[in-house]
């Protein structure tokens, strides 16, 4: 509503420029959020595959829980390495 009032008070060319700029800003934000979400999904999948392989090959017994998935989604494969090291020294990630 506020944008409509502000755009209505401008000339026709200026109002079109404002609307196009607003659309571009919204598209930019959507694109950035999409990349972030895609990155989190990709990190989660790769991390869970890595944990699965380590559990299968070395019988580590790392559990799949929400906290593990969140940590791996945010930090990626380095988080998997930290989780494995913690498991090897006897520290397990608790379930949420």
N, C-alpha and C. Protein backbone atom coordinates (compact mmCIF):
# COMPACT_ATOMS: atom_id res chain seq x y z
N UNK A 1 0.84 -1.19 0.00
CA UNK A 1 0.00 0.00 0.00
C UNK A 1 0.87 1.24 0.00
N UNK A 2 1.88 1.27 0.87
CA UNK A 2 2.77 2.42 0.93
C UNK A 2 3.52 2.58 -0.38
N UNK A 3 3.96 1.45 -0.96
CA UNK A 3 4.66 1.50 -2.23
C UNK A 3 3.74 2.01 -3.33
N UNK A 4 2.47 1.62 -3.29
CA UNK A 4 1.52 2.08 -4.29
C UNK A 4 1.30 3.59 -4.18
N UNK A 5 1.23 4.11 -2.97
CA UNK A 5 1.06 5.56 -2.79
C UNK A 5 2.29 6.30 -3.28
N UNK A 6 3.47 5.79 -2.92
CA UNK A 6 4.71 6.45 -3.32
C UNK A 6 4.89 6.37 -4.82
N UNK A 7 4.56 5.24 -5.43
CA UNK A 7 4.72 5.09 -6.86
C UNK A 7 3.69 5.94 -7.60
N UNK A 8 2.48 6.05 -7.03
CA UNK A 8 1.43 6.83 -7.68
C UNK A 8 1.76 8.32 -7.74
N UNK A 9 2.53 8.81 -6.81
CA UNK A 9 2.85 10.23 -6.78
C UNK A 9 3.99 10.59 -7.73
N UNK A 10 4.68 9.61 -8.26
CA UNK A 10 5.77 9.85 -9.22
C UNK A 10 5.21 9.91 -10.62
N UNK A 11 6.05 10.30 -11.54
CA UNK A 11 5.66 10.28 -12.94
C UNK A 11 5.60 8.86 -13.45
N UNK A 12 5.08 8.65 -14.66
CA UNK A 12 4.91 7.29 -15.18
C UNK A 12 6.24 6.55 -15.38
N UNK A 13 7.26 7.23 -15.85
CA UNK A 13 8.54 6.57 -16.07
C UNK A 13 9.22 6.26 -14.73
N UNK A 14 9.19 7.20 -13.81
CA UNK A 14 9.81 7.00 -12.51
C UNK A 14 9.10 5.89 -11.74
N UNK A 15 7.78 5.82 -11.84
CA UNK A 15 7.05 4.77 -11.13
C UNK A 15 7.39 3.40 -11.70
N UNK A 16 7.58 3.30 -13.01
CA UNK A 16 7.98 2.03 -13.61
C UNK A 16 9.37 1.62 -13.13
N UNK A 17 10.26 2.58 -13.00
CA UNK A 17 11.61 2.29 -12.53
C UNK A 17 11.58 1.80 -11.09
N UNK A 18 10.76 2.40 -10.26
CA UNK A 18 10.65 1.98 -8.86
C UNK A 18 10.09 0.56 -8.77
N UNK A 19 9.08 0.26 -9.56
CA UNK A 19 8.48 -1.07 -9.55
C UNK A 19 9.48 -2.11 -10.04
N UNK A 20 10.21 -1.81 -11.11
CA UNK A 20 11.21 -2.74 -11.63
C UNK A 20 12.32 -2.96 -10.60
N UNK A 21 12.75 -1.90 -9.93
CA UNK A 21 13.78 -2.02 -8.90
C UNK A 21 13.28 -2.88 -7.75
N UNK A 22 12.03 -2.70 -7.34
CA UNK A 22 11.47 -3.51 -6.25
C UNK A 22 11.40 -4.98 -6.65
N UNK A 23 11.02 -5.25 -7.88
CA UNK A 23 10.96 -6.62 -8.37
C UNK A 23 12.36 -7.24 -8.39
N UNK A 24 13.35 -6.49 -8.82
CA UNK A 24 14.72 -6.99 -8.86
C UNK A 24 15.25 -7.29 -7.46
N UNK A 25 14.91 -6.44 -6.50
CA UNK A 25 15.33 -6.69 -5.12
C UNK A 25 14.69 -7.96 -4.58
N UNK A 26 13.41 -8.15 -4.83
CA UNK A 26 12.71 -9.36 -4.37
C UNK A 26 13.31 -10.60 -5.04
N UNK A 27 13.58 -10.55 -6.33
CA UNK A 27 14.19 -11.68 -7.02
C UNK A 27 15.58 -11.99 -6.48
N UNK A 28 16.36 -10.95 -6.17
CA UNK A 28 17.69 -11.13 -5.61
C UNK A 28 17.62 -11.83 -4.26
N UNK A 29 16.70 -11.41 -3.42
CA UNK A 29 16.54 -12.03 -2.09
C UNK A 29 16.10 -13.49 -2.24
N UNK A 30 15.17 -13.76 -3.14
CA UNK A 30 14.72 -15.14 -3.37
C UNK A 30 15.87 -16.01 -3.86
N UNK A 31 16.69 -15.47 -4.76
CA UNK A 31 17.83 -16.22 -5.29
C UNK A 31 18.84 -16.54 -4.19
N UNK A 32 19.13 -15.56 -3.33
CA UNK A 32 20.08 -15.79 -2.23
C UNK A 32 19.54 -16.83 -1.24
N UNK A 33 18.27 -16.74 -0.91
CA UNK A 33 17.68 -17.73 0.00
C UNK A 33 17.67 -19.12 -0.63
N UNK A 34 17.41 -19.17 -1.93
CA UNK A 34 17.43 -20.45 -2.64
C UNK A 34 18.80 -21.09 -2.60
N UNK A 35 19.85 -20.28 -2.80
CA UNK A 35 21.21 -20.81 -2.74
C UNK A 35 21.53 -21.31 -1.33
N UNK A 36 21.09 -20.58 -0.32
CA UNK A 36 21.34 -20.99 1.06
C UNK A 36 20.65 -22.31 1.37
N UNK A 37 19.39 -22.42 0.99
CA UNK A 37 18.63 -23.64 1.24
C UNK A 37 19.22 -24.81 0.47
N UNK A 38 19.61 -24.58 -0.79
CA UNK A 38 20.22 -25.63 -1.59
C UNK A 38 21.54 -26.08 -0.97
N UNK A 39 22.32 -25.14 -0.46
CA UNK A 39 23.57 -25.48 0.21
C UNK A 39 23.35 -26.32 1.45
N UNK A 40 22.35 -25.97 2.24
CA UNK A 40 22.05 -26.75 3.45
C UNK A 40 21.60 -28.16 3.10
N UNK A 41 20.78 -28.28 2.07
CA UNK A 41 20.31 -29.61 1.65
C UNK A 41 21.47 -30.44 1.13
N UNK A 42 22.33 -29.82 0.32
CA UNK A 42 23.49 -30.54 -0.22
C UNK A 42 24.45 -30.96 0.89
N UNK A 43 24.72 -30.07 1.84
CA UNK A 43 25.58 -30.41 2.99
C UNK A 43 24.98 -31.56 3.79
N UNK A 44 23.68 -31.53 3.99
CA UNK A 44 23.02 -32.59 4.76
C UNK A 44 23.16 -33.94 4.07
N UNK A 45 22.91 -33.96 2.78
CA UNK A 45 22.97 -35.22 2.03
C UNK A 45 24.39 -35.76 2.02
N UNK A 46 25.36 -34.91 1.68
CA UNK A 46 26.76 -35.37 1.64
C UNK A 46 27.25 -35.80 3.02
N UNK A 47 26.88 -35.05 4.04
CA UNK A 47 27.29 -35.40 5.39
C UNK A 47 26.70 -36.71 5.87
N UNK A 48 25.41 -36.92 5.59
CA UNK A 48 24.78 -38.17 6.01
C UNK A 48 25.35 -39.36 5.24
N UNK A 49 25.67 -39.16 3.97
CA UNK A 49 26.31 -40.23 3.19
C UNK A 49 27.68 -40.55 3.80
N UNK A 50 28.44 -39.50 4.15
CA UNK A 50 29.76 -39.72 4.75
C UNK A 50 29.65 -40.44 6.09
N UNK A 51 28.69 -40.05 6.92
CA UNK A 51 28.50 -40.72 8.22
C UNK A 51 28.07 -42.17 7.99
N UNK A 52 27.18 -42.39 7.04
CA UNK A 52 26.73 -43.75 6.73
C UNK A 52 27.92 -44.62 6.30
N UNK A 53 28.76 -44.08 5.41
CA UNK A 53 29.92 -44.85 4.95
C UNK A 53 30.89 -45.15 6.09
N UNK A 54 31.13 -44.16 6.94
CA UNK A 54 32.02 -44.38 8.08
C UNK A 54 31.43 -45.39 9.05
N UNK A 55 30.13 -45.33 9.28
CA UNK A 55 29.48 -46.31 10.14
C UNK A 55 29.55 -47.71 9.54
N UNK A 56 29.37 -47.81 8.22
CA UNK A 56 29.38 -49.10 7.56
C UNK A 56 30.78 -49.69 7.51
N UNK A 57 31.76 -48.88 7.14
CA UNK A 57 33.12 -49.39 6.96
C UNK A 57 33.81 -49.65 8.30
N UNK A 58 33.69 -48.69 9.23
CA UNK A 58 34.45 -48.78 10.48
C UNK A 58 33.60 -49.12 11.70
N UNK A 59 32.31 -49.34 11.53
CA UNK A 59 31.38 -49.68 12.62
C UNK A 59 31.51 -48.69 13.79
N UNK A 60 31.39 -47.41 13.49
CA UNK A 60 31.55 -46.38 14.53
C UNK A 60 30.34 -46.25 15.44
N UNK A 61 29.16 -46.51 14.92
CA UNK A 61 27.95 -46.40 15.73
C UNK A 61 27.48 -44.97 15.93
N UNK A 62 27.76 -44.09 14.98
CA UNK A 62 27.28 -42.71 15.07
C UNK A 62 25.79 -42.71 14.77
N UNK A 63 25.00 -42.10 15.64
CA UNK A 63 23.55 -42.09 15.47
C UNK A 63 23.12 -40.94 14.57
N UNK A 64 22.03 -41.17 13.87
CA UNK A 64 21.43 -40.13 13.04
C UNK A 64 20.30 -39.50 13.84
N UNK A 65 20.50 -38.27 14.28
CA UNK A 65 19.44 -37.57 15.00
C UNK A 65 19.38 -36.13 14.50
N UNK A 66 18.44 -35.39 15.02
CA UNK A 66 18.22 -34.04 14.54
C UNK A 66 19.43 -33.15 14.75
N UNK A 67 20.09 -33.27 15.89
CA UNK A 67 21.26 -32.44 16.16
C UNK A 67 22.39 -32.75 15.18
N UNK A 68 22.62 -34.03 14.89
CA UNK A 68 23.65 -34.41 13.93
C UNK A 68 23.34 -33.82 12.56
N UNK A 69 22.10 -33.91 12.13
CA UNK A 69 21.71 -33.39 10.82
C UNK A 69 21.87 -31.88 10.77
N UNK A 70 21.48 -31.17 11.83
CA UNK A 70 21.60 -29.71 11.84
C UNK A 70 23.07 -29.29 11.79
N UNK A 71 23.91 -29.94 12.60
CA UNK A 71 25.33 -29.59 12.62
C UNK A 71 25.97 -29.86 11.27
N UNK A 72 25.66 -31.01 10.68
CA UNK A 72 26.23 -31.36 9.38
C UNK A 72 25.68 -30.45 8.28
N UNK A 73 24.41 -30.06 8.36
CA UNK A 73 23.83 -29.18 7.35
C UNK A 73 24.49 -27.81 7.37
N UNK A 74 24.78 -27.30 8.54
CA UNK A 74 25.36 -25.96 8.65
C UNK A 74 26.85 -25.97 8.32
N UNK A 75 27.59 -26.93 8.85
CA UNK A 75 29.05 -26.90 8.73
C UNK A 75 29.62 -27.86 7.70
N UNK A 76 28.82 -28.77 7.16
CA UNK A 76 29.26 -29.63 6.08
C UNK A 76 30.18 -30.76 6.50
N UNK A 77 31.07 -31.13 5.58
CA UNK A 77 31.95 -32.27 5.82
C UNK A 77 32.95 -32.05 6.96
N UNK A 78 33.42 -30.82 7.21
CA UNK A 78 34.26 -30.66 8.40
C UNK A 78 33.54 -31.04 9.70
N UNK A 79 32.24 -30.83 9.75
CA UNK A 79 31.46 -31.25 10.92
C UNK A 79 31.44 -32.76 11.05
N UNK A 80 31.39 -33.45 9.91
CA UNK A 80 31.43 -34.92 9.94
C UNK A 80 32.75 -35.37 10.54
N UNK A 81 33.85 -34.73 10.14
CA UNK A 81 35.16 -35.09 10.68
C UNK A 81 35.19 -34.86 12.19
N UNK A 82 34.62 -33.74 12.66
CA UNK A 82 34.60 -33.46 14.10
C UNK A 82 33.74 -34.49 14.83
N UNK A 83 32.60 -34.84 14.26
CA UNK A 83 31.71 -35.84 14.88
C UNK A 83 32.43 -37.19 14.99
N UNK A 84 33.16 -37.56 13.94
CA UNK A 84 33.89 -38.82 13.96
C UNK A 84 34.99 -38.78 15.02
N UNK A 85 35.73 -37.69 15.08
CA UNK A 85 36.79 -37.56 16.09
C UNK A 85 36.20 -37.61 17.50
N UNK A 86 35.10 -36.91 17.71
CA UNK A 86 34.46 -36.95 19.03
C UNK A 86 34.02 -38.36 19.38
N UNK A 87 33.49 -39.08 18.41
CA UNK A 87 33.05 -40.45 18.66
C UNK A 87 34.24 -41.35 19.00
N UNK A 88 35.36 -41.13 18.31
CA UNK A 88 36.55 -41.96 18.55
C UNK A 88 37.14 -41.72 19.95
N UNK A 89 36.98 -40.49 20.47
CA UNK A 89 37.51 -40.24 21.81
C UNK A 89 36.45 -40.48 22.90
N UNK A 90 35.27 -40.96 22.49
CA UNK A 90 34.28 -41.38 23.46
C UNK A 90 33.18 -40.40 23.77
N UNK A 91 33.05 -39.33 22.96
CA UNK A 91 32.01 -38.34 23.19
C UNK A 91 30.95 -38.51 22.10
N UNK A 92 29.71 -38.77 22.50
CA UNK A 92 28.62 -38.91 21.53
C UNK A 92 27.75 -37.68 21.53
N UNK A 93 27.15 -37.39 20.40
CA UNK A 93 26.23 -36.25 20.30
C UNK A 93 24.88 -36.71 20.86
N UNK A 94 24.36 -35.98 21.82
CA UNK A 94 23.07 -36.39 22.41
C UNK A 94 21.91 -36.11 21.46
N UNK A 95 20.83 -36.84 21.63
CA UNK A 95 19.63 -36.63 20.83
C UNK A 95 18.88 -35.42 21.35
N UNK A 96 18.22 -34.72 20.44
CA UNK A 96 17.41 -33.56 20.85
C UNK A 96 16.06 -34.01 21.35
